[in-house]
Amino acid sequence: MTNFQLNGHDFIELNKLLKVLSLTGSGGEAKQFIRDGEVQVNGEVETQVRKKLRAGDTVSFGDETIAITA
C-alpha cells in the first residue's frame, strides 16, 4: 500500500492523484480509466473523474492501493 499525503490541502481530485503518482501516462488516460470503471474509492467503483479524495479515503487501481493521509 502506498500513502499519499495531502500536505495541508483539504483534498486531491481522483484524476490528478493517478497522474501525480504516475499510475497513468497522462491526465486524459487517467480520465478514461476512471470513466471505464477501473478505479475504486473506498471499495466501490468510482466514475467521477474529479472525485475529491480526503484523508482516510483509499483508492485501488490495478495492483495499487493508495491511502490518503492528512
N, C-alpha and C. Protein backbone atom coordinates (compact mmCIF):
# COMPACT_ATOMS: atom_id res chain seq x y z
N MET A 1 0.85 -1.18 0.00
CA MET A 1 0.00 0.00 0.00
C MET A 1 0.89 1.24 0.00
N THR A 2 0.49 2.20 -0.79
CA THR A 2 1.19 3.48 -0.88
C THR A 2 0.41 4.52 -0.10
N ASN A 3 1.11 5.41 0.60
CA ASN A 3 0.47 6.53 1.29
C ASN A 3 0.67 7.78 0.47
N PHE A 4 -0.38 8.59 0.36
CA PHE A 4 -0.29 9.88 -0.31
C PHE A 4 -0.71 10.95 0.69
N GLN A 5 0.22 11.86 0.99
CA GLN A 5 -0.07 12.92 1.96
C GLN A 5 -0.62 14.14 1.27
N LEU A 6 -1.69 14.70 1.85
CA LEU A 6 -2.30 15.90 1.31
C LEU A 6 -1.49 17.16 1.61
N ASN A 7 -0.57 17.08 2.56
CA ASN A 7 0.32 18.20 2.89
C ASN A 7 -0.40 19.53 3.06
N GLY A 8 -1.41 19.55 3.92
CA GLY A 8 -2.12 20.79 4.23
C GLY A 8 -3.29 21.11 3.33
N HIS A 9 -3.43 20.38 2.22
CA HIS A 9 -4.58 20.61 1.34
C HIS A 9 -5.77 19.82 1.87
N ASP A 10 -6.97 20.27 1.55
CA ASP A 10 -8.18 19.59 2.02
C ASP A 10 -8.45 18.31 1.23
N PHE A 11 -8.06 18.30 -0.07
CA PHE A 11 -8.38 17.16 -0.93
C PHE A 11 -7.47 17.16 -2.15
N ILE A 12 -7.51 16.05 -2.89
CA ILE A 12 -6.92 15.96 -4.23
C ILE A 12 -7.97 15.27 -5.10
N GLU A 13 -8.08 15.72 -6.34
CA GLU A 13 -9.04 15.11 -7.26
C GLU A 13 -8.49 13.77 -7.75
N LEU A 14 -9.39 12.82 -7.95
CA LEU A 14 -9.02 11.45 -8.31
C LEU A 14 -8.13 11.40 -9.56
N ASN A 15 -8.50 12.09 -10.61
CA ASN A 15 -7.70 12.05 -11.84
C ASN A 15 -6.30 12.61 -11.61
N LYS A 16 -6.19 13.64 -10.78
CA LYS A 16 -4.88 14.22 -10.50
C LYS A 16 -4.02 13.28 -9.67
N LEU A 17 -4.63 12.55 -8.75
CA LEU A 17 -3.88 11.58 -7.94
C LEU A 17 -3.22 10.53 -8.84
N LEU A 18 -3.99 9.98 -9.77
CA LEU A 18 -3.44 8.94 -10.65
C LEU A 18 -2.29 9.49 -11.49
N LYS A 19 -2.41 10.74 -11.94
CA LYS A 19 -1.36 11.34 -12.74
C LYS A 19 -0.14 11.67 -11.89
N VAL A 20 -0.33 12.27 -10.72
CA VAL A 20 0.79 12.65 -9.84
C VAL A 20 1.61 11.43 -9.44
N LEU A 21 0.95 10.31 -9.20
CA LEU A 21 1.66 9.10 -8.80
C LEU A 21 2.18 8.30 -9.99
N SER A 22 2.03 8.85 -11.19
CA SER A 22 2.49 8.21 -12.44
C SER A 22 1.88 6.83 -12.65
N LEU A 23 0.63 6.67 -12.21
CA LEU A 23 -0.08 5.41 -12.44
C LEU A 23 -0.69 5.38 -13.84
N THR A 24 -0.78 6.56 -14.46
CA THR A 24 -1.24 6.67 -15.84
C THR A 24 -0.24 7.55 -16.58
N GLY A 25 -0.24 7.45 -17.88
CA GLY A 25 0.70 8.23 -18.68
C GLY A 25 0.33 9.68 -18.84
N SER A 26 -0.97 9.98 -18.69
CA SER A 26 -1.43 11.35 -18.88
C SER A 26 -2.73 11.56 -18.12
N GLY A 27 -3.14 12.81 -18.02
CA GLY A 27 -4.40 13.13 -17.38
C GLY A 27 -5.58 12.57 -18.16
N GLY A 28 -5.48 12.61 -19.48
CA GLY A 28 -6.54 12.06 -20.33
C GLY A 28 -6.69 10.56 -20.14
N GLU A 29 -5.57 9.88 -20.00
CA GLU A 29 -5.59 8.44 -19.77
C GLU A 29 -6.23 8.14 -18.41
N ALA A 30 -5.90 8.94 -17.41
CA ALA A 30 -6.49 8.76 -16.07
C ALA A 30 -8.01 8.90 -16.15
N LYS A 31 -8.47 9.92 -16.86
CA LYS A 31 -9.92 10.15 -17.00
C LYS A 31 -10.60 8.95 -17.65
N GLN A 32 -9.96 8.37 -18.66
CA GLN A 32 -10.57 7.24 -19.35
C GLN A 32 -10.66 6.02 -18.45
N PHE A 33 -9.60 5.73 -17.69
CA PHE A 33 -9.64 4.60 -16.76
C PHE A 33 -10.76 4.79 -15.74
N ILE A 34 -10.92 6.01 -15.25
CA ILE A 34 -11.97 6.29 -14.26
C ILE A 34 -13.36 6.10 -14.90
N ARG A 35 -13.57 6.69 -16.06
CA ARG A 35 -14.86 6.58 -16.75
C ARG A 35 -15.20 5.14 -17.10
N ASP A 36 -14.17 4.33 -17.35
CA ASP A 36 -14.38 2.92 -17.69
C ASP A 36 -14.63 2.05 -16.46
N GLY A 37 -14.64 2.64 -15.27
CA GLY A 37 -14.93 1.90 -14.05
C GLY A 37 -13.78 1.06 -13.53
N GLU A 38 -12.56 1.44 -13.88
CA GLU A 38 -11.39 0.65 -13.48
C GLU A 38 -10.75 1.13 -12.17
N VAL A 39 -11.37 2.12 -11.53
CA VAL A 39 -10.82 2.68 -10.29
C VAL A 39 -11.86 2.54 -9.18
N GLN A 40 -11.40 2.15 -8.00
CA GLN A 40 -12.29 2.05 -6.85
C GLN A 40 -11.86 3.05 -5.77
N VAL A 41 -12.84 3.64 -5.13
CA VAL A 41 -12.60 4.51 -3.98
C VAL A 41 -13.38 3.92 -2.82
N ASN A 42 -12.67 3.64 -1.75
CA ASN A 42 -13.27 3.05 -0.55
C ASN A 42 -14.05 1.78 -0.88
N GLY A 43 -13.49 0.97 -1.79
CA GLY A 43 -14.07 -0.33 -2.10
C GLY A 43 -15.20 -0.33 -3.11
N GLU A 44 -15.54 0.84 -3.67
CA GLU A 44 -16.63 0.91 -4.64
C GLU A 44 -16.13 1.56 -5.93
N VAL A 45 -16.63 1.08 -7.07
CA VAL A 45 -16.25 1.65 -8.36
C VAL A 45 -16.62 3.13 -8.37
N GLU A 46 -15.67 3.94 -8.80
CA GLU A 46 -15.88 5.39 -8.86
C GLU A 46 -15.72 5.87 -10.30
N THR A 47 -16.73 6.56 -10.83
CA THR A 47 -16.67 7.06 -12.20
C THR A 47 -16.61 8.58 -12.26
N GLN A 48 -16.58 9.25 -11.12
CA GLN A 48 -16.45 10.71 -11.10
C GLN A 48 -14.96 11.05 -11.27
N VAL A 49 -14.64 11.64 -12.39
CA VAL A 49 -13.25 11.96 -12.71
C VAL A 49 -12.63 12.87 -11.66
N ARG A 50 -13.37 13.87 -11.22
CA ARG A 50 -12.83 14.85 -10.28
C ARG A 50 -13.30 14.60 -8.84
N LYS A 51 -13.56 13.36 -8.51
CA LYS A 51 -13.95 12.99 -7.16
C LYS A 51 -12.93 13.54 -6.17
N LYS A 52 -13.39 14.25 -5.16
CA LYS A 52 -12.49 14.83 -4.16
C LYS A 52 -12.13 13.76 -3.14
N LEU A 53 -10.84 13.47 -3.04
CA LEU A 53 -10.33 12.49 -2.10
C LEU A 53 -9.80 13.22 -0.88
N ARG A 54 -10.21 12.75 0.28
CA ARG A 54 -9.81 13.37 1.54
C ARG A 54 -9.10 12.35 2.42
N ALA A 55 -8.46 12.83 3.47
CA ALA A 55 -7.76 11.94 4.40
C ALA A 55 -8.71 10.84 4.86
N GLY A 56 -8.21 9.61 4.84
CA GLY A 56 -9.00 8.45 5.23
C GLY A 56 -9.53 7.66 4.06
N ASP A 57 -9.55 8.25 2.86
CA ASP A 57 -10.00 7.54 1.67
C ASP A 57 -8.92 6.58 1.19
N THR A 58 -9.35 5.51 0.53
CA THR A 58 -8.41 4.60 -0.13
C THR A 58 -8.82 4.46 -1.59
N VAL A 59 -7.82 4.37 -2.44
CA VAL A 59 -8.03 4.24 -3.88
C VAL A 59 -7.36 2.96 -4.35
N SER A 60 -8.06 2.18 -5.16
CA SER A 60 -7.50 0.97 -5.75
C SER A 60 -7.54 1.12 -7.27
N PHE A 61 -6.39 0.85 -7.89
CA PHE A 61 -6.28 0.92 -9.34
C PHE A 61 -5.25 -0.10 -9.78
N GLY A 62 -5.67 -1.08 -10.56
CA GLY A 62 -4.76 -2.15 -10.95
C GLY A 62 -4.27 -2.88 -9.71
N ASP A 63 -2.97 -3.02 -9.59
CA ASP A 63 -2.37 -3.71 -8.43
C ASP A 63 -2.06 -2.75 -7.30
N GLU A 64 -2.36 -1.47 -7.45
CA GLU A 64 -2.00 -0.44 -6.48
C GLU A 64 -3.17 -0.10 -5.55
N THR A 65 -2.84 0.10 -4.29
CA THR A 65 -3.79 0.64 -3.31
C THR A 65 -3.12 1.85 -2.67
N ILE A 66 -3.83 2.97 -2.67
CA ILE A 66 -3.28 4.22 -2.14
C ILE A 66 -4.15 4.69 -0.98
N ALA A 67 -3.53 4.97 0.15
CA ALA A 67 -4.21 5.52 1.32
C ALA A 67 -3.95 7.02 1.34
N ILE A 68 -5.02 7.80 1.43
CA ILE A 68 -4.89 9.25 1.50
C ILE A 68 -4.76 9.65 2.97
N THR A 69 -3.68 10.40 3.27
CA THR A 69 -3.43 10.83 4.64
C THR A 69 -3.32 12.34 4.72
N ALA A 70 -3.53 12.87 5.91
CA ALA A 70 -3.52 14.34 6.10
C ALA A 70 -2.14 14.94 5.99
